[in-house]
Amino acid sequence: MATTYKIGIIGNKDAILPFRIIGFDIYPVLTASEAKETIKQLAEENYGIIYLTEDFAQQIPDTIKYYDTQVTPAIILLPSHRGNLGIGLQRIQDNVEKAVGANIL
């Protein structure tokens, strides 16, 4: 039987609350260490995709880098309610360049 993965989102409550409407499990955090612990917990609980706001992601680069080497969960960065830091877009560009050998974006 195929494994069913869940989708979660971690970040400031104001930024992530709307994602509950589309069925994501939301995990509001106040600090980078809470974000790091929540990622670890979700990774152990069959979450296939974890969305994380950029403001927390920039504070825990080693954690993000670790999960980049794992099959699951995929960690996808989103701008927070405070604005876009460009980290998520840069990760996409880096992955595309790694996959095709050139930045086509």
PDB file of N, CA and C in Angstrom:
ATOM      1  N   MET A   1       0.840  -1.177   0.000  1.00  0.00           N
ATOM      2  CA  MET A   1       0.000   0.000   0.000  1.00  0.00           C
ATOM      3  C   MET A   1       0.886   1.242   0.000  1.00  0.00           C
ATOM      4  N   ALA A   2       0.528   2.218  -0.771  1.00  0.00           N
ATOM      5  CA  ALA A   2       1.318   3.442  -0.903  1.00  0.00           C
ATOM      6  C   ALA A   2       1.237   4.277   0.370  1.00  0.00           C
ATOM      7  N   THR A   3       2.348   4.928   0.678  1.00  0.00           N
ATOM      8  CA  THR A   3       2.392   5.816   1.832  1.00  0.00           C
ATOM      9  C   THR A   3       1.691   7.121   1.497  1.00  0.00           C
ATOM     10  N   THR A   4       0.878   7.588   2.410  1.00  0.00           N
ATOM     11  CA  THR A   4       0.220   8.876   2.248  1.00  0.00           C
ATOM     12  C   THR A   4       0.989   9.904   3.061  1.00  0.00           C
ATOM     13  N   TYR A   5       1.411  10.958   2.402  1.00  0.00           N
ATOM     14  CA  TYR A   5       2.158  12.012   3.075  1.00  0.00           C
ATOM     15  C   TYR A   5       1.263  13.209   3.345  1.00  0.00           C
ATOM     16  N   LYS A   6       1.593  13.912   4.407  1.00  0.00           N
ATOM     17  CA  LYS A   6       0.840  15.107   4.787  1.00  0.00           C
ATOM     18  C   LYS A   6       1.626  16.350   4.382  1.00  0.00           C
ATOM     19  N   ILE A   7       0.935  17.490   4.389  1.00  0.00           N
ATOM     20  CA  ILE A   7       1.556  18.777   4.079  1.00  0.00           C
ATOM     21  C   ILE A   7       1.386  19.688   5.284  1.00  0.00           C
ATOM     22  N   GLY A   8       2.486  20.282   5.705  1.00  0.00           N
ATOM     23  CA  GLY A   8       2.438  21.202   6.830  1.00  0.00           C
ATOM     24  C   GLY A   8       3.101  22.518   6.484  1.00  0.00           C
ATOM     25  N   ILE A   9       2.782  23.532   7.267  1.00  0.00           N
ATOM     26  CA  ILE A   9       3.407  24.838   7.076  1.00  0.00           C
ATOM     27  C   ILE A   9       3.785  25.406   8.433  1.00  0.00           C
ATOM     28  N   ILE A  10       4.997  25.949   8.489  1.00  0.00           N
ATOM     29  CA  ILE A  10       5.566  26.475   9.728  1.00  0.00           C
ATOM     30  C   ILE A  10       5.892  27.946   9.526  1.00  0.00           C
ATOM     31  N   GLY A  11       5.544  28.756  10.507  1.00  0.00           N
ATOM     32  CA  GLY A  11       5.880  30.176  10.438  1.00  0.00           C
ATOM     33  C   GLY A  11       5.082  30.980  11.437  1.00  0.00           C
ATOM     34  N   ASN A  12       5.123  32.273  11.271  1.00  0.00           N
ATOM     35  CA  ASN A  12       4.352  33.189  12.099  1.00  0.00           C
ATOM     36  C   ASN A  12       2.868  32.931  11.867  1.00  0.00           C
ATOM     37  N   LYS A  13       2.095  32.933  12.942  1.00  0.00           N
ATOM     38  CA  LYS A  13       0.666  32.596  12.845  1.00  0.00           C
ATOM     39  C   LYS A  13      -0.067  33.431  11.802  1.00  0.00           C
ATOM     40  N   ASP A  14       0.202  34.732  11.754  1.00  0.00           N
ATOM     41  CA  ASP A  14      -0.484  35.602  10.796  1.00  0.00           C
ATOM     42  C   ASP A  14      -0.192  35.216   9.349  1.00  0.00           C
ATOM     43  N   ALA A  15       1.000  34.722   9.098  1.00  0.00           N
ATOM     44  CA  ALA A  15       1.392  34.368   7.732  1.00  0.00           C
ATOM     45  C   ALA A  15       0.841  33.019   7.292  1.00  0.00           C
ATOM     46  N   ILE A  16       0.668  32.097   8.230  1.00  0.00           N
ATOM     47  CA  ILE A  16       0.309  30.730   7.832  1.00  0.00           C
ATOM     48  C   ILE A  16      -1.157  30.364   8.038  1.00  0.00           C
ATOM     49  N   LEU A  17      -1.872  31.123   8.826  1.00  0.00           N
ATOM     50  CA  LEU A  17      -3.273  30.798   9.126  1.00  0.00           C
ATOM     51  C   LEU A  17      -4.141  30.584   7.879  1.00  0.00           C
ATOM     52  N   PRO A  18      -4.003  31.400   6.827  1.00  0.00           N
ATOM     53  CA  PRO A  18      -4.838  31.179   5.632  1.00  0.00           C
ATOM     54  C   PRO A  18      -4.643  29.809   4.970  1.00  0.00           C
ATOM     55  N   PHE A  19      -3.511  29.174   5.185  1.00  0.00           N
ATOM     56  CA  PHE A  19      -3.246  27.877   4.561  1.00  0.00           C
ATOM     57  C   PHE A  19      -4.105  26.760   5.153  1.00  0.00           C
ATOM     58  N   ARG A  20      -4.669  26.987   6.318  1.00  0.00           N
ATOM     59  CA  ARG A  20      -5.567  26.000   6.923  1.00  0.00           C
ATOM     60  C   ARG A  20      -6.795  25.782   6.027  1.00  0.00           C
ATOM     61  N   ILE A  21      -7.234  26.841   5.351  1.00  0.00           N
ATOM     62  CA  ILE A  21      -8.419  26.766   4.488  1.00  0.00           C
ATOM     63  C   ILE A  21      -8.242  25.743   3.367  1.00  0.00           C
ATOM     64  N   ILE A  22      -7.017  25.608   2.863  1.00  0.00           N
ATOM     65  CA  ILE A  22      -6.780  24.656   1.769  1.00  0.00           C
ATOM     66  C   ILE A  22      -6.288  23.298   2.273  1.00  0.00           C
ATOM     67  N   GLY A  23      -6.393  23.087   3.575  1.00  0.00           N
ATOM     68  CA  GLY A  23      -6.129  21.765   4.115  1.00  0.00           C
ATOM     69  C   GLY A  23      -4.741  21.498   4.658  1.00  0.00           C
ATOM     70  N   PHE A  24      -3.886  22.498   4.704  1.00  0.00           N
ATOM     71  CA  PHE A  24      -2.557  22.291   5.275  1.00  0.00           C
ATOM     72  C   PHE A  24      -2.664  22.257   6.793  1.00  0.00           C
ATOM     73  N   ASP A  25      -1.810  21.460   7.414  1.00  0.00           N
ATOM     74  CA  ASP A  25      -1.675  21.499   8.862  1.00  0.00           C
ATOM     75  C   ASP A  25      -0.757  22.675   9.183  1.00  0.00           C
ATOM     76  N   ILE A  26      -1.195  23.565  10.058  1.00  0.00           N
ATOM     77  CA  ILE A  26      -0.386  24.746  10.350  1.00  0.00           C
ATOM     78  C   ILE A  26       0.292  24.603  11.707  1.00  0.00           C
ATOM     79  N   TYR A  27       1.511  25.124  11.781  1.00  0.00           N
ATOM     80  CA  TYR A  27       2.313  25.068  12.993  1.00  0.00           C
ATOM     81  C   TYR A  27       2.918  26.444  13.251  1.00  0.00           C
ATOM     82  N   PRO A  28       2.206  27.269  14.011  1.00  0.00           N
ATOM     83  CA  PRO A  28       2.738  28.596  14.326  1.00  0.00           C
ATOM     84  C   PRO A  28       3.928  28.481  15.283  1.00  0.00           C
ATOM     85  N   VAL A  29       4.967  29.234  15.000  1.00  0.00           N
ATOM     86  CA  VAL A  29       6.142  29.277  15.867  1.00  0.00           C
ATOM     87  C   VAL A  29       6.535  30.729  16.099  1.00  0.00           C
ATOM     88  N   LEU A  30       7.262  30.941  17.187  1.00  0.00           N
ATOM     89  CA  LEU A  30       7.712  32.290  17.526  1.00  0.00           C
ATOM     90  C   LEU A  30       9.214  32.463  17.390  1.00  0.00           C
ATOM     91  N   THR A  31       9.959  31.348  17.441  1.00  0.00           N
ATOM     92  CA  THR A  31      11.417  31.431  17.383  1.00  0.00           C
ATOM     93  C   THR A  31      11.978  30.441  16.363  1.00  0.00           C
ATOM     94  N   ALA A  32      13.225  30.678  15.982  1.00  0.00           N
ATOM     95  CA  ALA A  32      13.898  29.778  15.046  1.00  0.00           C
ATOM     96  C   ALA A  32      14.083  28.394  15.658  1.00  0.00           C
ATOM     97  N   SER A  33      14.354  28.326  16.957  1.00  0.00           N
ATOM     98  CA  SER A  33      14.532  27.012  17.576  1.00  0.00           C
ATOM     99  C   SER A  33      13.221  26.229  17.587  1.00  0.00           C
ATOM    100  N   GLU A  34      12.090  26.914  17.754  1.00  0.00           N
ATOM    101  CA  GLU A  34      10.789  26.243  17.649  1.00  0.00           C
ATOM    102  C   GLU A  34      10.567  25.734  16.227  1.00  0.00           C
ATOM    103  N   ALA A  35      10.951  26.523  15.245  1.00  0.00           N
ATOM    104  CA  ALA A  35      10.811  26.107  13.844  1.00  0.00           C
ATOM    105  C   ALA A  35      11.648  24.863  13.576  1.00  0.00           C
ATOM    106  N   LYS A  36      12.868  24.868  14.072  1.00  0.00           N
ATOM    107  CA  LYS A  36      13.777  23.737  13.884  1.00  0.00           C
ATOM    108  C   LYS A  36      13.206  22.464  14.512  1.00  0.00           C
ATOM    109  N   GLU A  37      12.714  22.566  15.734  1.00  0.00           N
ATOM    110  CA  GLU A  37      12.131  21.414  16.421  1.00  0.00           C
ATOM    111  C   GLU A  37      10.867  20.919  15.719  1.00  0.00           C
ATOM    112  N   THR A  38      10.065  21.849  15.228  1.00  0.00           N
ATOM    113  CA  THR A  38       8.835  21.473  14.534  1.00  0.00           C
ATOM    114  C   THR A  38       9.149  20.752  13.232  1.00  0.00           C
ATOM    115  N   ILE A  39      10.149  21.212  12.500  1.00  0.00           N
ATOM    116  CA  ILE A  39      10.568  20.523  11.271  1.00  0.00           C
ATOM    117  C   ILE A  39      10.974  19.092  11.596  1.00  0.00           C
ATOM    118  N   LYS A  40      11.782  18.934  12.626  1.00  0.00           N
ATOM    119  CA  LYS A  40      12.235  17.595  13.020  1.00  0.00           C
ATOM    120  C   LYS A  40      11.040  16.703  13.368  1.00  0.00           C
ATOM    121  N   GLN A  41      10.104  17.234  14.124  1.00  0.00           N
ATOM    122  CA  GLN A  41       8.908  16.482  14.520  1.00  0.00           C
ATOM    123  C   GLN A  41       8.084  16.072  13.296  1.00  0.00           C
ATOM    124  N   LEU A  42       7.857  17.011  12.383  1.00  0.00           N
ATOM    125  CA  LEU A  42       7.048  16.712  11.197  1.00  0.00           C
ATOM    126  C   LEU A  42       7.738  15.702  10.285  1.00  0.00           C
ATOM    127  N   ALA A  43       9.053  15.792  10.193  1.00  0.00           N
ATOM    128  CA  ALA A  43       9.810  14.843   9.371  1.00  0.00           C
ATOM    129  C   ALA A  43       9.618  13.416   9.881  1.00  0.00           C
ATOM    130  N   GLU A  44       9.456  13.268  11.180  1.00  0.00           N
ATOM    131  CA  GLU A  44       9.249  11.949  11.779  1.00  0.00           C
ATOM    132  C   GLU A  44       7.796  11.486  11.681  1.00  0.00           C
ATOM    133  N   GLU A  45       6.883  12.389  11.309  1.00  0.00           N
ATOM    134  CA  GLU A  45       5.455  12.079  11.298  1.00  0.00           C
ATOM    135  C   GLU A  45       4.848  12.005   9.891  1.00  0.00           C
ATOM    136  N   ASN A  46       5.618  11.564   8.913  1.00  0.00           N
ATOM    137  CA  ASN A  46       5.100  11.349   7.554  1.00  0.00           C
ATOM    138  C   ASN A  46       4.649  12.610   6.823  1.00  0.00           C
ATOM    139  N   TYR A  47       5.320  13.707   7.041  1.00  0.00           N
ATOM    140  CA  TYR A  47       5.048  14.908   6.257  1.00  0.00           C
ATOM    141  C   TYR A  47       5.954  14.857   5.037  1.00  0.00           C
ATOM    142  N   GLY A  48       5.352  14.883   3.856  1.00  0.00           N
ATOM    143  CA  GLY A  48       6.116  14.834   2.611  1.00  0.00           C
ATOM    144  C   GLY A  48       6.566  16.202   2.161  1.00  0.00           C
ATOM    145  N   ILE A  49       5.776  17.220   2.508  1.00  0.00           N
ATOM    146  CA  ILE A  49       6.105  18.600   2.151  1.00  0.00           C
ATOM    147  C   ILE A  49       5.923  19.471   3.386  1.00  0.00           C
ATOM    148  N   ILE A  50       6.940  20.271   3.653  1.00  0.00           N
ATOM    149  CA  ILE A  50       6.864  21.250   4.731  1.00  0.00           C
ATOM    150  C   ILE A  50       7.165  22.615   4.130  1.00  0.00           C
ATOM    151  N   TYR A  51       6.189  23.490   4.196  1.00  0.00           N
ATOM    152  CA  TYR A  51       6.405  24.876   3.796  1.00  0.00           C
ATOM    153  C   TYR A  51       6.910  25.626   5.020  1.00  0.00           C
ATOM    154  N   LEU A  52       7.883  26.492   4.805  1.00  0.00           N
ATOM    155  CA  LEU A  52       8.499  27.254   5.884  1.00  0.00           C
ATOM    156  C   LEU A  52       8.667  28.688   5.424  1.00  0.00           C
ATOM    157  N   THR A  53       8.299  29.628   6.271  1.00  0.00           N
ATOM    158  CA  THR A  53       8.454  31.028   5.880  1.00  0.00           C
ATOM    159  C   THR A  53       9.934  31.411   5.874  1.00  0.00           C
ATOM    160  N   GLU A  54      10.272  32.271   4.926  1.00  0.00           N
ATOM    161  CA  GLU A  54      11.670  32.656   4.710  1.00  0.00           C
ATOM    162  C   GLU A  54      12.311  33.291   5.936  1.00  0.00           C
ATOM    163  N   ASP A  55      11.537  34.036   6.715  1.00  0.00           N
ATOM    164  CA  ASP A  55      12.132  34.699   7.875  1.00  0.00           C
ATOM    165  C   ASP A  55      12.705  33.693   8.869  1.00  0.00           C
ATOM    166  N   PHE A  56      12.066  32.549   9.036  1.00  0.00           N
ATOM    167  CA  PHE A  56      12.625  31.514   9.908  1.00  0.00           C
ATOM    168  C   PHE A  56      13.700  30.715   9.186  1.00  0.00           C
ATOM    169  N   ALA A  57      13.515  30.472   7.902  1.00  0.00           N
ATOM    170  CA  ALA A  57      14.489  29.691   7.134  1.00  0.00           C
ATOM    171  C   ALA A  57      15.871  30.334   7.156  1.00  0.00           C
ATOM    172  N   GLN A  58      15.922  31.652   7.087  1.00  0.00           N
ATOM    173  CA  GLN A  58      17.233  32.302   7.062  1.00  0.00           C
ATOM    174  C   GLN A  58      17.962  32.163   8.395  1.00  0.00           C
ATOM    175  N   GLN A  59      17.243  31.819   9.451  1.00  0.00           N
ATOM    176  CA  GLN A  59      17.854  31.656  10.768  1.00  0.00           C
ATOM    177  C   GLN A  59      18.311  30.221  11.042  1.00  0.00           C
ATOM    178  N   ILE A  60      17.881  29.267  10.213  1.00  0.00           N
ATOM    179  CA  ILE A  60      18.242  27.862  10.439  1.00  0.00           C
ATOM    180  C   ILE A  60      18.766  27.201   9.153  1.00  0.00           C
ATOM    181  N   PRO A  61      19.776  27.796   8.527  1.00  0.00           N
ATOM    182  CA  PRO A  61      20.261  27.254   7.246  1.00  0.00           C
ATOM    183  C   PRO A  61      20.809  25.837   7.349  1.00  0.00           C
ATOM    184  N   ASP A  62      21.415  25.467   8.481  1.00  0.00           N
ATOM    185  CA  ASP A  62      21.958  24.115   8.615  1.00  0.00           C
ATOM    186  C   ASP A  62      20.850  23.061   8.612  1.00  0.00           C
ATOM    187  N   THR A  63      19.731  23.388   9.224  1.00  0.00           N
ATOM    188  CA  THR A  63      18.591  22.465   9.234  1.00  0.00           C
ATOM    189  C   THR A  63      18.044  22.293   7.823  1.00  0.00           C
ATOM    190  N   ILE A  64      17.901  23.402   7.108  1.00  0.00           N
ATOM    191  CA  ILE A  64      17.406  23.347   5.728  1.00  0.00           C
ATOM    192  C   ILE A  64      18.358  22.515   4.873  1.00  0.00           C
ATOM    193  N   LYS A  65      19.645  22.755   5.034  1.00  0.00           N
ATOM    194  CA  LYS A  65      20.658  22.027   4.257  1.00  0.00           C
ATOM    195  C   LYS A  65      20.602  20.524   4.551  1.00  0.00           C
ATOM    196  N   TYR A  66      20.398  20.168   5.810  1.00  0.00           N
ATOM    197  CA  TYR A  66      20.294  18.750   6.167  1.00  0.00           C
ATOM    198  C   TYR A  66      19.125  18.089   5.437  1.00  0.00           C
ATOM    199  N   TYR A  67      17.961  18.699   5.485  1.00  0.00           N
ATOM    200  CA  TYR A  67      16.787  18.091   4.853  1.00  0.00           C
ATOM    201  C   TYR A  67      16.858  18.137   3.330  1.00  0.00           C
ATOM    202  N   ASP A  68      17.709  18.975   2.779  1.00  0.00           N
ATOM    203  CA  ASP A  68      17.935  18.959   1.327  1.00  0.00           C
ATOM    204  C   ASP A  68      18.568  17.643   0.880  1.00  0.00           C
ATOM    205  N   THR A  69      19.250  16.962   1.797  1.00  0.00           N
ATOM    206  CA  THR A  69      19.904  15.695   1.465  1.00  0.00           C
ATOM    207  C   THR A  69      19.001  14.490   1.706  1.00  0.00           C
ATOM    208  N   GLN A  70      17.814  14.718   2.239  1.00  0.00           N
ATOM    209  CA  GLN A  70      16.876  13.638   2.549  1.00  0.00           C
ATOM    210  C   GLN A  70      15.813  13.527   1.450  1.00  0.00           C
ATOM    211  N   VAL A  71      15.274  12.340   1.289  1.00  0.00           N
ATOM    212  CA  VAL A  71      14.220  12.136   0.291  1.00  0.00           C
ATOM    213  C   VAL A  71      12.964  12.889   0.701  1.00  0.00           C
ATOM    214  N   THR A  72      12.566  12.738   1.943  1.00  0.00           N
ATOM    215  CA  THR A  72      11.426  13.483   2.481  1.00  0.00           C
ATOM    216  C   THR A  72      11.806  14.011   3.853  1.00  0.00           C
ATOM    217  N   PRO A  73      11.262  15.069   4.254  1.00  0.00           N
ATOM    218  CA  PRO A  73      10.304  15.925   3.566  1.00  0.00           C
ATOM    219  C   PRO A  73      11.000  16.920   2.647  1.00  0.00           C
ATOM    220  N   ALA A  74      10.258  17.391   1.665  1.00  0.00           N
ATOM    221  CA  ALA A  74      10.735  18.506   0.846  1.00  0.00           C
ATOM    222  C   ALA A  74      10.391  19.783   1.607  1.00  0.00           C
ATOM    223  N   ILE A  75      11.370  20.639   1.796  1.00  0.00           N
ATOM    224  CA  ILE A  75      11.124  21.910   2.480  1.00  0.00           C
ATOM    225  C   ILE A  75      11.091  23.008   1.433  1.00  0.00           C
ATOM    226  N   ILE A  76       9.962  23.691   1.382  1.00  0.00           N
ATOM    227  CA  ILE A  76       9.743  24.742   0.393  1.00  0.00           C
ATOM    228  C   ILE A  76       9.560  26.058   1.131  1.00  0.00           C
ATOM    229  N   LEU A  77      10.325  27.050   0.711  1.00  0.00           N
ATOM    230  CA  LEU A  77      10.296  28.339   1.398  1.00  0.00           C
ATOM    231  C   LEU A  77       9.292  29.282   0.763  1.00  0.00           C
ATOM    232  N   LEU A  78       8.593  29.999   1.627  1.00  0.00           N
ATOM    233  CA  LEU A  78       7.588  30.977   1.202  1.00  0.00           C
ATOM    234  C   LEU A  78       7.878  32.323   1.844  1.00  0.00           C
ATOM    235  N   PRO A  79       7.531  33.407   1.167  1.00  0.00           N
ATOM    236  CA  PRO A  79       7.641  34.718   1.815  1.00  0.00           C
ATOM    237  C   PRO A  79       6.710  34.762   3.028  1.00  0.00           C
ATOM    238  N   SER A  80       7.081  35.556   4.005  1.00  0.00           N
ATOM    239  CA  SER A  80       6.212  35.718   5.170  1.00  0.00           C
ATOM    240  C   SER A  80       5.311  36.927   4.961  1.00  0.00           C
ATOM    241  N   HIS A  81       4.515  37.214   5.940  1.00  0.00           N
ATOM    242  CA  HIS A  81       3.642  38.387   5.871  1.00  0.00           C
ATOM    243  C   HIS A  81       4.452  39.684   5.904  1.00  0.00           C
ATOM    244  N   ARG A  82       5.739  39.587   6.223  1.00  0.00           N
ATOM    245  CA  ARG A  82       6.610  40.772   6.254  1.00  0.00           C
ATOM    246  C   ARG A  82       7.240  41.076   4.900  1.00  0.00           C
ATOM    247  N   GLY A  83       7.097  40.150   3.956  1.00  0.00           N
ATOM    248  CA  GLY A  83       7.642  40.392   2.625  1.00  0.00           C
ATOM    249  C   GLY A  83       8.562  39.286   2.153  1.00  0.00           C
ATOM    250  N   ASN A  84       9.030  39.435   0.931  1.00  0.00           N
ATOM    251  CA  ASN A  84       9.859  38.455   0.256  1.00  0.00           C
ATOM    252  C   ASN A  84      11.328  38.755   0.508  1.00  0.00           C
ATOM    253  N   LEU A  85      12.067  37.752   0.992  1.00  0.00           N
ATOM    254  CA  LEU A  85      13.505  37.903   1.191  1.00  0.00           C
ATOM    255  C   LEU A  85      14.301  37.365   0.006  1.00  0.00           C
ATOM    256  N   GLY A  86      13.627  36.682  -0.923  1.00  0.00           N
ATOM    257  CA  GLY A  86      14.290  36.145  -2.108  1.00  0.00           C
ATOM    258  C   GLY A  86      14.977  34.809  -1.902  1.00  0.00           C
ATOM    259  N   ILE A  87      14.922  34.269  -0.690  1.00  0.00           N
ATOM    260  CA  ILE A  87      15.610  33.011  -0.399  1.00  0.00           C
ATOM    261  C   ILE A  87      14.957  31.845  -1.139  1.00  0.00           C
ATOM    262  N   GLY A  88      13.638  31.787  -1.126  1.00  0.00           N
ATOM    263  CA  GLY A  88      12.920  30.702  -1.802  1.00  0.00           C
ATOM    264  C   GLY A  88      13.165  30.703  -3.296  1.00  0.00           C
ATOM    265  N   LEU A  89      13.098  31.873  -3.909  1.00  0.00           N
ATOM    266  CA  LEU A  89      13.350  31.988  -5.345  1.00  0.00           C
ATOM    267  C   LEU A  89      14.778  31.579  -5.678  1.00  0.00           C
ATOM    268  N   GLN A  90      15.732  31.973  -4.852  1.00  0.00           N
ATOM    269  CA  GLN A  90      17.127  31.604  -5.086  1.00  0.00           C
ATOM    270  C   GLN A  90      17.309  30.092  -5.018  1.00  0.00           C
ATOM    271  N   ARG A  91      16.632  29.445  -4.070  1.00  0.00           N
ATOM    272  CA  ARG A  91      16.709  27.974  -3.971  1.00  0.00           C
ATOM    273  C   ARG A  91      16.162  27.314  -5.236  1.00  0.00           C
ATOM    274  N   ILE A  92      15.055  27.836  -5.756  1.00  0.00           N
ATOM    275  CA  ILE A  92      14.485  27.279  -6.990  1.00  0.00           C
ATOM    276  C   ILE A  92      15.467  27.446  -8.141  1.00  0.00           C
ATOM    277  N   GLN A  93      16.048  28.630  -8.269  1.00  0.00           N
ATOM    278  CA  GLN A  93      17.016  28.876  -9.342  1.00  0.00           C
ATOM    279  C   GLN A  93      18.222  27.950  -9.214  1.00  0.00           C
ATOM    280  N   ASP A  94      18.721  27.769  -8.001  1.00  0.00           N
ATOM    281  CA  ASP A  94      19.866  26.882  -7.780  1.00  0.00           C
ATOM    282  C   ASP A  94      19.533  25.441  -8.159  1.00  0.00           C
ATOM    283  N   ASN A  95      18.341  24.980  -7.791  1.00  0.00           N
ATOM    284  CA  ASN A  95      17.944  23.605  -8.111  1.00  0.00           C
ATOM    285  C   ASN A  95      17.744  23.402  -9.607  1.00  0.00           C
ATOM    286  N   VAL A  96      17.171  24.381 -10.288  1.00  0.00           N
ATOM    287  CA  VAL A  96      17.003  24.291 -11.740  1.00  0.00           C
ATOM    288  C   VAL A  96      18.370  24.255 -12.414  1.00  0.00           C
ATOM    289  N   GLU A  97      19.256  25.122 -11.980  1.00  0.00           N
ATOM    290  CA  GLU A  97      20.601  25.150 -12.566  1.00  0.00           C
ATOM    291  C   GLU A  97      21.330  23.833 -12.319  1.00  0.00           C
ATOM    292  N   LYS A  98      21.179  23.280 -11.139  1.00  0.00           N
ATOM    293  CA  LYS A  98      21.797  21.998 -10.812  1.00  0.00           C
ATOM    294  C   LYS A  98      21.230  20.884 -11.701  1.00  0.00           C
ATOM    295  N   ALA A  99      19.930  20.926 -11.964  1.00  0.00           N
ATOM    296  CA  ALA A  99      19.274  19.874 -12.745  1.00  0.00           C
ATOM    297  C   ALA A  99      19.575  19.956 -14.235  1.00  0.00           C
ATOM    298  N   VAL A 100      19.603  21.176 -14.799  1.00  0.00           N
ATOM    299  CA  VAL A 100      19.760  21.302 -16.252  1.00  0.00           C
ATOM    300  C   VAL A 100      21.112  21.869 -16.680  1.00  0.00           C
ATOM    301  N   GLY A 101      21.918  22.282 -15.715  1.00  0.00           N
ATOM    302  CA  GLY A 101      23.248  22.767 -16.044  1.00  0.00           C
ATOM    303  C   GLY A 101      23.331  24.243 -16.373  1.00  0.00           C
ATOM    304  N   ALA A 102      22.209  24.936 -16.356  1.00  0.00           N
ATOM    305  CA  ALA A 102      22.202  26.375 -16.641  1.00  0.00           C
ATOM    306  C   ALA A 102      20.982  27.003 -15.979  1.00  0.00           C
ATOM    307  N   ASN A 103      21.097  28.273 -15.666  1.00  0.00           N
ATOM    308  CA  ASN A 103      19.962  28.985 -15.088  1.00  0.00           C
ATOM    309  C   ASN A 103      19.032  29.403 -16.221  1.00  0.00           C
ATOM    310  N   ILE A 104      17.931  28.702 -16.359  1.00  0.00           N
ATOM    311  CA  ILE A 104      16.991  29.001 -17.442  1.00  0.00           C
ATOM    312  C   ILE A 104      15.837  29.882 -16.972  1.00  0.00           C
ATOM    313  N   LEU A 105      15.859  30.252 -15.715  1.00  0.00           N
ATOM    314  CA  LEU A 105      14.802  31.113 -15.190  1.00  0.00           C
ATOM    315  C   LEU A 105      15.232  32.539 -15.353  1.00  0.00           C
TER     316      LEU A 105
END
